[in-house]
Amino acid sequence: MTAALSWHGGALAVCPSHERVNTILRFQEAKEPVRGLAADLSMRDAECGRRRLVEKLEAVENRIVGYKAGLTNAKIQARFGVTSPVRGVLLEKMLLADGADVPADFGARPMFEADLLVVVKDAGLHQAKTHLEVLRSLTLVIPFIELPDLVVAEGETLSAPLFVSLNVGARLGVVGKGIPVRATQEFADQLAALRVVMTDQAGRELANGRGSAILEHPLNAVLWLARDLDRSHIRLKPGDMLSLGSLTAPMAPRPGLAVTARYEGLPGNPAVSVRFR
């Protein structure tokens, strides 16, 4: 297999065919970056491509366990030329236990970043309009190091629709211990004010960020996901997990690096860790 997939045949103006999606999946499995994917997809065709890709991933005993919000920072949205987040799908085999040992080359263009997961209590979330109403329909907040895969080769154009068609880079993620949700204003304020600090095995700081980096408040990402899923006639179920977006800039892993993300300001200052080999 060559170093990167080269896409021929001009702009991709319709829903990616099953053959093309299979080709992308083969390159993802081989951890090879993709070149030449058309970036001028319509969002409708991008969502069709995402659906076909997820269906093929589901077919290998890999059930959907939740959804993720991407592009949840205003600066990143401006870079992609959009004014709202984008949605991806989380599958069971993507989620790893705290302390996981992961190959540094787990993807074609692997990255790591601090994120947050929440667990859905009930479908009342679709009717929520305020942060307190959101909290009443959640059970847990979970520290989460997302391990996304940008898929396309460095230097290639990665538009928002192309990102959506590639399932918003969802590849892996390391899940920490859940914190029980309290439906109080104090808990909502803690989520916005939290400070996450990522350090290496020597205690050196790699990155830091605030909860407000996600759409000014992490619960705004929950509201957005519930509404976007409504638009696609998808109802959330008890136990579904929602990834709310990056709290820190994405960084590239390297062999021998161990990373801990500590969530200061949440009850108990919880942490989650991953090691790259």
C-alpha atoms as a PDB file:
ATOM      1  CA  MET A   1       0.000   0.000   0.000  1.00  0.00           C
ATOM      2  CA  THR A   2       1.331   3.449  -0.849  1.00  0.00           C
ATOM      3  CA  ALA A   3       2.032   6.131   1.739  1.00  0.00           C
ATOM      4  CA  ALA A   4      -1.285   7.828   1.110  1.00  0.00           C
ATOM      5  CA  LEU A   5      -4.441   7.163  -0.842  1.00  0.00           C
ATOM      6  CA  SER A   6      -4.627   9.356  -3.947  1.00  0.00           C
ATOM      7  CA  TRP A   7      -8.181  10.163  -5.014  1.00  0.00           C
ATOM      8  CA  HIS A   8      -8.869  10.338  -8.758  1.00  0.00           C
ATOM      9  CA  GLY A   9     -11.892  11.240 -10.798  1.00  0.00           C
ATOM     10  CA  GLY A  10     -12.565  14.873  -9.865  1.00  0.00           C
ATOM     11  CA  ALA A  11     -14.720  16.438  -7.181  1.00  0.00           C
ATOM     12  CA  LEU A  12     -16.917  14.211  -5.104  1.00  0.00           C
ATOM     13  CA  ALA A  13     -20.285  15.912  -5.478  1.00  0.00           C
ATOM     14  CA  VAL A  14     -22.590  13.179  -4.228  1.00  0.00           C
ATOM     15  CA  CYS A  15     -22.832  10.820  -1.284  1.00  0.00           C
ATOM     16  CA  PRO A  16     -19.622   8.764  -1.208  1.00  0.00           C
ATOM     17  CA  SER A  17     -20.264   5.362  -2.753  1.00  0.00           C
ATOM     18  CA  HIS A  18     -20.004   2.184  -0.716  1.00  0.00           C
ATOM     19  CA  GLU A  19     -16.880   1.287  -2.694  1.00  0.00           C
ATOM     20  CA  ARG A  20     -15.226   4.591  -1.803  1.00  0.00           C
ATOM     21  CA  VAL A  21     -16.183   4.279   1.863  1.00  0.00           C
ATOM     22  CA  ASN A  22     -14.714   0.756   1.889  1.00  0.00           C
ATOM     23  CA  THR A  23     -11.491   2.149   0.429  1.00  0.00           C
ATOM     24  CA  ILE A  24     -11.278   4.802   3.155  1.00  0.00           C
ATOM     25  CA  LEU A  25     -11.862   2.143   5.805  1.00  0.00           C
ATOM     26  CA  ARG A  26      -9.078  -0.011   4.354  1.00  0.00           C
ATOM     27  CA  PHE A  27      -6.649   2.880   4.576  1.00  0.00           C
ATOM     28  CA  GLN A  28      -7.796   3.712   8.098  1.00  0.00           C
ATOM     29  CA  GLU A  29      -7.219   0.098   9.133  1.00  0.00           C
ATOM     30  CA  ALA A  30      -3.748   0.235   7.587  1.00  0.00           C
ATOM     31  CA  LYS A  31      -3.129   3.576   9.370  1.00  0.00           C
ATOM     32  CA  GLU A  32      -2.322   5.246   6.071  1.00  0.00           C
ATOM     33  CA  PRO A  33      -3.266   8.902   5.453  1.00  0.00           C
ATOM     34  CA  VAL A  34      -5.630   9.719   2.611  1.00  0.00           C
ATOM     35  CA  ARG A  35      -4.864  12.189  -0.193  1.00  0.00           C
ATOM     36  CA  GLY A  36      -7.116  13.749  -2.797  1.00  0.00           C
ATOM     37  CA  LEU A  37     -10.492  13.524  -1.035  1.00  0.00           C
ATOM     38  CA  ALA A  38     -12.738  16.280  -2.337  1.00  0.00           C
ATOM     39  CA  ALA A  39     -13.357  18.921   0.321  1.00  0.00           C
ATOM     40  CA  ASP A  40     -16.333  20.550  -1.461  1.00  0.00           C
ATOM     41  CA  LEU A  41     -19.002  18.088  -0.313  1.00  0.00           C
ATOM     42  CA  SER A  42     -22.396  19.434   0.616  1.00  0.00           C
ATOM     43  CA  MET A  43     -23.225  18.845   4.266  1.00  0.00           C
ATOM     44  CA  ARG A  44     -26.107  16.614   3.197  1.00  0.00           C
ATOM     45  CA  ASP A  45     -23.767  14.357   1.216  1.00  0.00           C
ATOM     46  CA  ALA A  46     -21.232  14.463   4.052  1.00  0.00           C
ATOM     47  CA  GLU A  47     -23.866  13.173   6.485  1.00  0.00           C
ATOM     48  CA  CYS A  48     -24.728  10.421   4.009  1.00  0.00           C
ATOM     49  CA  GLY A  49     -21.053   9.458   3.878  1.00  0.00           C
ATOM     50  CA  ARG A  50     -20.875   9.401   7.676  1.00  0.00           C
ATOM     51  CA  ARG A  51     -23.930   7.148   7.834  1.00  0.00           C
ATOM     52  CA  ARG A  52     -22.417   4.678   5.347  1.00  0.00           C
ATOM     53  CA  LEU A  53     -19.090   4.635   7.182  1.00  0.00           C
ATOM     54  CA  VAL A  54     -20.746   4.052  10.571  1.00  0.00           C
ATOM     55  CA  GLU A  55     -22.964   1.305   9.158  1.00  0.00           C
ATOM     56  CA  LYS A  56     -19.870  -0.548   7.972  1.00  0.00           C
ATOM     57  CA  LEU A  57     -18.179  -0.137  11.352  1.00  0.00           C
ATOM     58  CA  GLU A  58     -21.342  -1.392  13.093  1.00  0.00           C
ATOM     59  CA  ALA A  59     -21.331  -4.484  10.886  1.00  0.00           C
ATOM     60  CA  VAL A  60     -18.228  -5.827  12.674  1.00  0.00           C
ATOM     61  CA  GLU A  61     -19.966  -6.272  16.060  1.00  0.00           C
ATOM     62  CA  ASN A  62     -19.371  -2.661  17.014  1.00  0.00           C
ATOM     63  CA  ARG A  63     -22.567  -1.083  18.314  1.00  0.00           C
ATOM     64  CA  ILE A  64     -23.287   2.646  18.590  1.00  0.00           C
ATOM     65  CA  VAL A  65     -22.887   3.820  22.197  1.00  0.00           C
ATOM     66  CA  GLY A  66     -23.162   7.583  21.730  1.00  0.00           C
ATOM     67  CA  TYR A  67     -22.286  10.699  19.786  1.00  0.00           C
ATOM     68  CA  LYS A  68     -19.608  13.375  19.734  1.00  0.00           C
ATOM     69  CA  ALA A  69     -19.581  17.099  19.099  1.00  0.00           C
ATOM     70  CA  GLY A  70     -16.653  18.448  17.109  1.00  0.00           C
ATOM     71  CA  LEU A  71     -15.565  21.972  16.205  1.00  0.00           C
ATOM     72  CA  THR A  72     -16.882  23.277  19.527  1.00  0.00           C
ATOM     73  CA  ASN A  73     -14.479  26.197  19.731  1.00  0.00           C
ATOM     74  CA  ALA A  74     -15.192  29.497  17.949  1.00  0.00           C
ATOM     75  CA  LYS A  75     -11.614  29.818  16.646  1.00  0.00           C
ATOM     76  CA  ILE A  76     -11.683  26.303  15.195  1.00  0.00           C
ATOM     77  CA  GLN A  77     -15.106  26.957  13.640  1.00  0.00           C
ATOM     78  CA  ALA A  78     -13.715  30.080  11.959  1.00  0.00           C
ATOM     79  CA  ARG A  79     -10.809  28.047  10.588  1.00  0.00           C
ATOM     80  CA  PHE A  80     -13.269  25.572   9.072  1.00  0.00           C
ATOM     81  CA  GLY A  81     -15.663  28.278   7.843  1.00  0.00           C
ATOM     82  CA  VAL A  82     -18.637  27.175   9.948  1.00  0.00           C
ATOM     83  CA  THR A  83     -20.664  28.768  12.733  1.00  0.00           C
ATOM     84  CA  SER A  84     -21.791  25.654  14.605  1.00  0.00           C
ATOM     85  CA  PRO A  85     -20.359  22.297  15.737  1.00  0.00           C
ATOM     86  CA  VAL A  86     -20.480  19.055  13.761  1.00  0.00           C
ATOM     87  CA  ARG A  87     -21.570  15.586  14.916  1.00  0.00           C
ATOM     88  CA  GLY A  88     -19.869  12.208  14.919  1.00  0.00           C
ATOM     89  CA  VAL A  89     -20.783   8.759  16.235  1.00  0.00           C
ATOM     90  CA  LEU A  90     -19.145   6.826  19.076  1.00  0.00           C
ATOM     91  CA  LEU A  91     -18.885   3.051  18.785  1.00  0.00           C
ATOM     92  CA  GLU A  92     -18.270   0.558  21.571  1.00  0.00           C
ATOM     93  CA  LYS A  93     -14.818  -0.578  20.442  1.00  0.00           C
ATOM     94  CA  MET A  94     -13.578   3.015  20.352  1.00  0.00           C
ATOM     95  CA  LEU A  95     -13.749   3.379  24.140  1.00  0.00           C
ATOM     96  CA  LEU A  96     -10.844   2.196  26.305  1.00  0.00           C
ATOM     97  CA  ALA A  97     -10.389   1.914  30.060  1.00  0.00           C
ATOM     98  CA  ASP A  98      -8.448   4.428  32.142  1.00  0.00           C
ATOM     99  CA  GLY A  99      -4.700   3.784  31.944  1.00  0.00           C
ATOM    100  CA  ALA A 100      -4.936   2.141  28.514  1.00  0.00           C
ATOM    101  CA  ASP A 101      -1.714   1.289  26.672  1.00  0.00           C
ATOM    102  CA  VAL A 102      -2.163   2.464  23.073  1.00  0.00           C
ATOM    103  CA  PRO A 103       0.133   2.374  20.016  1.00  0.00           C
ATOM    104  CA  ALA A 104       1.414   5.884  19.265  1.00  0.00           C
ATOM    105  CA  ASP A 105       0.508   5.237  15.624  1.00  0.00           C
ATOM    106  CA  PHE A 106      -3.086   4.192  16.391  1.00  0.00           C
ATOM    107  CA  GLY A 107      -4.369   6.132  13.362  1.00  0.00           C
ATOM    108  CA  ALA A 108      -3.370   7.591  10.034  1.00  0.00           C
ATOM    109  CA  ARG A 109      -2.876  11.015  11.688  1.00  0.00           C
ATOM    110  CA  PRO A 110      -3.285  10.297  15.395  1.00  0.00           C
ATOM    111  CA  MET A 111      -3.878  13.031  17.973  1.00  0.00           C
ATOM    112  CA  PHE A 112      -4.822  13.283  21.653  1.00  0.00           C
ATOM    113  CA  GLU A 113      -6.776  15.953  23.529  1.00  0.00           C
ATOM    114  CA  ALA A 114      -8.673  16.453  26.771  1.00  0.00           C
ATOM    115  CA  ASP A 115     -12.451  16.093  26.415  1.00  0.00           C
ATOM    116  CA  LEU A 116     -15.512  15.428  28.567  1.00  0.00           C
ATOM    117  CA  LEU A 117     -18.106  12.653  28.366  1.00  0.00           C
ATOM    118  CA  VAL A 118     -21.593  12.742  29.849  1.00  0.00           C
ATOM    119  CA  VAL A 119     -24.008   9.822  30.229  1.00  0.00           C
ATOM    120  CA  VAL A 120     -27.674  10.239  29.304  1.00  0.00           C
ATOM    121  CA  LYS A 121     -30.327   9.450  31.913  1.00  0.00           C
ATOM    122  CA  ASP A 122     -33.429   9.793  29.724  1.00  0.00           C
ATOM    123  CA  ALA A 123     -34.783  11.171  26.458  1.00  0.00           C
ATOM    124  CA  GLY A 124     -36.137  14.185  28.317  1.00  0.00           C
ATOM    125  CA  LEU A 125     -32.834  15.701  27.255  1.00  0.00           C
ATOM    126  CA  HIS A 126     -34.448  16.475  23.899  1.00  0.00           C
ATOM    127  CA  GLN A 127     -36.852  18.869  25.616  1.00  0.00           C
ATOM    128  CA  ALA A 128     -34.199  20.581  27.758  1.00  0.00           C
ATOM    129  CA  LYS A 129     -33.725  24.295  27.246  1.00  0.00           C
ATOM    130  CA  THR A 130     -31.618  25.304  30.258  1.00  0.00           C
ATOM    131  CA  HIS A 131     -28.471  23.947  31.863  1.00  0.00           C
ATOM    132  CA  LEU A 132     -30.389  22.722  34.905  1.00  0.00           C
ATOM    133  CA  GLU A 133     -32.870  20.883  32.674  1.00  0.00           C
ATOM    134  CA  VAL A 134     -29.904  19.263  30.888  1.00  0.00           C
ATOM    135  CA  LEU A 135     -28.409  18.129  34.208  1.00  0.00           C
ATOM    136  CA  ARG A 136     -31.707  16.512  35.223  1.00  0.00           C
ATOM    137  CA  SER A 137     -31.409  14.220  32.188  1.00  0.00           C
ATOM    138  CA  LEU A 138     -27.785  13.178  32.790  1.00  0.00           C
ATOM    139  CA  THR A 139     -26.307  10.695  35.267  1.00  0.00           C
ATOM    140  CA  LEU A 140     -22.524  11.079  35.005  1.00  0.00           C
ATOM    141  CA  VAL A 141     -19.789  13.437  33.872  1.00  0.00           C
ATOM    142  CA  ILE A 142     -16.633  11.533  32.897  1.00  0.00           C
ATOM    143  CA  PRO A 143     -13.018  12.661  32.294  1.00  0.00           C
ATOM    144  CA  PHE A 144     -12.115  11.631  28.763  1.00  0.00           C
ATOM    145  CA  ILE A 145      -8.950  11.753  26.681  1.00  0.00           C
ATOM    146  CA  GLU A 146     -10.094  11.570  23.086  1.00  0.00           C
ATOM    147  CA  LEU A 147      -7.740   9.949  20.581  1.00  0.00           C
ATOM    148  CA  PRO A 148      -8.992  11.260  17.237  1.00  0.00           C
ATOM    149  CA  ASP A 149      -7.622  10.429  13.802  1.00  0.00           C
ATOM    150  CA  LEU A 150      -7.556  13.297  11.295  1.00  0.00           C
ATOM    151  CA  VAL A 151      -7.346  10.630   8.518  1.00  0.00           C
ATOM    152  CA  VAL A 152      -6.346  12.945   5.643  1.00  0.00           C
ATOM    153  CA  ALA A 153      -2.693  13.498   4.827  1.00  0.00           C
ATOM    154  CA  GLU A 154      -0.945  16.553   6.212  1.00  0.00           C
ATOM    155  CA  GLY A 155      -1.302  19.506   3.840  1.00  0.00           C
ATOM    156  CA  GLU A 156      -4.614  18.263   2.397  1.00  0.00           C
ATOM    157  CA  THR A 157      -7.728  20.422   2.735  1.00  0.00           C
ATOM    158  CA  LEU A 158      -9.967  19.222   5.565  1.00  0.00           C
ATOM    159  CA  SER A 159     -13.290  21.042   5.253  1.00  0.00           C
ATOM    160  CA  ALA A 160     -16.109  20.736   7.784  1.00  0.00           C
ATOM    161  CA  PRO A 161     -18.235  18.538   5.437  1.00  0.00           C
ATOM    162  CA  LEU A 162     -15.270  16.269   4.686  1.00  0.00           C
ATOM    163  CA  PHE A 163     -14.613  16.023   8.434  1.00  0.00           C
ATOM    164  CA  VAL A 164     -18.255  15.004   8.958  1.00  0.00           C
ATOM    165  CA  SER A 165     -18.054  12.347   6.229  1.00  0.00           C
ATOM    166  CA  LEU A 166     -15.045  10.892   8.100  1.00  0.00           C
ATOM    167  CA  ASN A 167     -17.138  10.691  11.296  1.00  0.00           C
ATOM    168  CA  VAL A 168     -15.482  13.788  12.782  1.00  0.00           C
ATOM    169  CA  GLY A 169     -12.236  11.906  13.319  1.00  0.00           C
ATOM    170  CA  ALA A 170     -13.677   9.491  15.912  1.00  0.00           C
ATOM    171  CA  ARG A 171     -11.174   6.676  16.452  1.00  0.00           C
ATOM    172  CA  LEU A 172     -10.459   5.937  20.138  1.00  0.00           C
ATOM    173  CA  GLY A 173     -10.851   7.482  23.571  1.00  0.00           C
ATOM    174  CA  VAL A 174      -9.840   6.705  27.156  1.00  0.00           C
ATOM    175  CA  VAL A 175     -12.651   6.844  29.718  1.00  0.00           C
ATOM    176  CA  GLY A 176     -12.085   7.845  33.339  1.00  0.00           C
ATOM    177  CA  LYS A 177     -14.243   7.326  36.419  1.00  0.00           C
ATOM    178  CA  GLY A 178     -17.656   8.960  36.294  1.00  0.00           C
ATOM    179  CA  ILE A 179     -18.745  11.762  38.614  1.00  0.00           C
ATOM    180  CA  PRO A 180     -22.434  11.666  39.644  1.00  0.00           C
ATOM    181  CA  VAL A 181     -24.318  14.633  38.240  1.00  0.00           C
ATOM    182  CA  ARG A 182     -26.043  17.031  40.604  1.00  0.00           C
ATOM    183  CA  ALA A 183     -28.820  19.097  39.033  1.00  0.00           C
ATOM    184  CA  THR A 184     -27.747  22.305  40.741  1.00  0.00           C
ATOM    185  CA  GLN A 185     -26.479  25.660  39.592  1.00  0.00           C
ATOM    186  CA  GLU A 186     -23.306  25.041  41.580  1.00  0.00           C
ATOM    187  CA  PHE A 187     -22.543  21.892  39.560  1.00  0.00           C
ATOM    188  CA  ALA A 188     -23.288  23.704  36.286  1.00  0.00           C
ATOM    189  CA  ASP A 189     -20.914  26.493  37.324  1.00  0.00           C
ATOM    190  CA  GLN A 190     -18.210  23.929  38.171  1.00  0.00           C
ATOM    191  CA  LEU A 191     -18.419  22.488  34.663  1.00  0.00           C
ATOM    192  CA  ALA A 192     -17.868  25.884  33.046  1.00  0.00           C
ATOM    193  CA  ALA A 193     -15.087  26.900  35.434  1.00  0.00           C
ATOM    194  CA  LEU A 194     -13.168  23.603  35.532  1.00  0.00           C
ATOM    195  CA  ARG A 195      -9.495  23.724  34.552  1.00  0.00           C
ATOM    196  CA  VAL A 196      -8.055  20.672  32.863  1.00  0.00           C
ATOM    197  CA  VAL A 197      -4.284  20.226  32.991  1.00  0.00           C
ATOM    198  CA  MET A 198      -2.516  17.636  30.826  1.00  0.00           C
ATOM    199  CA  THR A 199       0.888  16.464  32.035  1.00  0.00           C
ATOM    200  CA  ASP A 200       3.447  13.880  30.965  1.00  0.00           C
ATOM    201  CA  GLN A 201       4.973  11.129  33.092  1.00  0.00           C
ATOM    202  CA  ALA A 202       7.520  13.577  34.529  1.00  0.00           C
ATOM    203  CA  GLY A 203       4.809  15.997  35.601  1.00  0.00           C
ATOM    204  CA  ARG A 204       5.578  18.511  32.858  1.00  0.00           C
ATOM    205  CA  GLU A 205       2.530  20.427  31.656  1.00  0.00           C
ATOM    206  CA  LEU A 206       1.590  19.701  28.051  1.00  0.00           C
ATOM    207  CA  ALA A 207      -1.603  21.740  27.781  1.00  0.00           C
ATOM    208  CA  ASN A 208      -4.421  23.239  29.802  1.00  0.00           C
ATOM    209  CA  GLY A 209      -7.923  24.509  29.152  1.00  0.00           C
ATOM    210  CA  ARG A 210     -11.169  25.650  30.731  1.00  0.00           C
ATOM    211  CA  GLY A 211     -14.632  24.132  30.572  1.00  0.00           C
ATOM    212  CA  SER A 212     -15.811  27.334  28.908  1.00  0.00           C
ATOM    213  CA  ALA A 213     -13.656  26.453  25.871  1.00  0.00           C
ATOM    214  CA  ILE A 214     -16.537  24.208  24.778  1.00  0.00           C
ATOM    215  CA  LEU A 215     -19.185  26.545  23.335  1.00  0.00           C
ATOM    216  CA  GLU A 216     -18.718  28.829  26.382  1.00  0.00           C
ATOM    217  CA  HIS A 217     -20.172  26.054  28.590  1.00  0.00           C
ATOM    218  CA  PRO A 218     -19.921  22.243  28.198  1.00  0.00           C
ATOM    219  CA  LEU A 219     -23.682  21.860  28.652  1.00  0.00           C
ATOM    220  CA  ASN A 220     -24.217  23.987  25.538  1.00  0.00           C
ATOM    221  CA  ALA A 221     -22.642  21.102  23.597  1.00  0.00           C
ATOM    222  CA  VAL A 222     -25.171  18.710  25.153  1.00  0.00           C
ATOM    223  CA  LEU A 223     -28.015  21.012  24.088  1.00  0.00           C
ATOM    224  CA  TRP A 224     -26.596  21.273  20.581  1.00  0.00           C
ATOM    225  CA  LEU A 225     -26.191  17.493  20.207  1.00  0.00           C
ATOM    226  CA  ALA A 226     -29.753  16.830  21.401  1.00  0.00           C
ATOM    227  CA  ARG A 227     -31.120  19.297  18.845  1.00  0.00           C
ATOM    228  CA  ASP A 228     -28.920  18.043  16.021  1.00  0.00           C
ATOM    229  CA  LEU A 229     -29.948  14.465  16.714  1.00  0.00           C
ATOM    230  CA  ASP A 230     -33.597  15.591  16.665  1.00  0.00           C
ATOM    231  CA  ARG A 231     -32.986  16.997  13.203  1.00  0.00           C
ATOM    232  CA  SER A 232     -31.932  13.512  12.080  1.00  0.00           C
ATOM    233  CA  HIS A 233     -34.857  11.853  13.943  1.00  0.00           C
ATOM    234  CA  ILE A 234     -32.490  10.126  16.398  1.00  0.00           C
ATOM    235  CA  ARG A 235     -33.652   9.784  20.010  1.00  0.00           C
ATOM    236  CA  LEU A 236     -31.187   9.450  22.843  1.00  0.00           C
ATOM    237  CA  LYS A 237     -31.491   6.411  25.136  1.00  0.00           C
ATOM    238  CA  PRO A 238     -30.519   5.870  28.786  1.00  0.00           C
ATOM    239  CA  GLY A 239     -26.811   5.052  28.899  1.00  0.00           C
ATOM    240  CA  ASP A 240     -25.889   6.843  25.683  1.00  0.00           C
ATOM    241  CA  MET A 241     -22.601   8.738  25.984  1.00  0.00           C
ATOM    242  CA  LEU A 242     -21.953  12.207  24.587  1.00  0.00           C
ATOM    243  CA  SER A 243     -18.466  13.542  23.922  1.00  0.00           C
ATOM    244  CA  LEU A 244     -18.638  17.313  24.301  1.00  0.00           C
ATOM    245  CA  GLY A 245     -15.541  18.563  22.499  1.00  0.00           C
ATOM    246  CA  SER A 246     -11.919  19.423  23.060  1.00  0.00           C
ATOM    247  CA  LEU A 247     -10.769  21.356  26.083  1.00  0.00           C
ATOM    248  CA  THR A 248      -7.171  21.492  24.839  1.00  0.00           C
ATOM    249  CA  ALA A 249      -5.505  21.789  21.449  1.00  0.00           C
ATOM    250  CA  PRO A 250      -4.843  18.439  19.748  1.00  0.00           C
ATOM    251  CA  MET A 251      -1.311  17.078  20.070  1.00  0.00           C
ATOM    252  CA  ALA A 252       0.489  14.233  18.332  1.00  0.00           C
ATOM    253  CA  PRO A 253       1.431  11.201  20.477  1.00  0.00           C
ATOM    254  CA  ARG A 254       4.895   9.644  20.504  1.00  0.00           C
ATOM    255  CA  PRO A 255       6.157   6.284  21.752  1.00  0.00           C
ATOM    256  CA  GLY A 256       7.012   6.332  25.457  1.00  0.00           C
ATOM    257  CA  LEU A 257       4.765   9.279  26.280  1.00  0.00           C
ATOM    258  CA  ALA A 258       2.324   8.859  29.174  1.00  0.00           C
ATOM    259  CA  VAL A 259      -0.375  11.517  29.560  1.00  0.00           C
ATOM    260  CA  THR A 260      -2.618  12.382  32.488  1.00  0.00           C
ATOM    261  CA  ALA A 261      -5.495  14.856  32.282  1.00  0.00           C
ATOM    262  CA  ARG A 262      -6.627  16.228  35.646  1.00  0.00           C
ATOM    263  CA  TYR A 263      -9.961  18.051  35.909  1.00  0.00           C
ATOM    264  CA  GLU A 264      -9.444  20.663  38.605  1.00  0.00           C
ATOM    265  CA  GLY A 265     -12.627  22.146  40.007  1.00  0.00           C
ATOM    266  CA  LEU A 266     -14.813  19.082  39.557  1.00  0.00           C
ATOM    267  CA  PRO A 267     -15.618  17.090  42.722  1.00  0.00           C
ATOM    268  CA  GLY A 268     -12.482  15.206  43.749  1.00  0.00           C
ATOM    269  CA  ASN A 269     -10.343  16.732  40.943  1.00  0.00           C
ATOM    270  CA  PRO A 270     -10.636  13.495  38.887  1.00  0.00           C
ATOM    271  CA  ALA A 271      -8.051  12.379  36.346  1.00  0.00           C
ATOM    272  CA  VAL A 272      -7.695  10.021  33.395  1.00  0.00           C
ATOM    273  CA  SER A 273      -4.487   8.626  31.863  1.00  0.00           C
ATOM    274  CA  VAL A 274      -3.169   6.972  28.706  1.00  0.00           C
ATOM    275  CA  ARG A 275       0.237   5.581  27.754  1.00  0.00           C
ATOM    276  CA  PHE A 276       1.578   5.455  24.198  1.00  0.00           C
ATOM    277  CA  ARG A 277       3.939   2.703  23.084  1.00  0.00           C
END
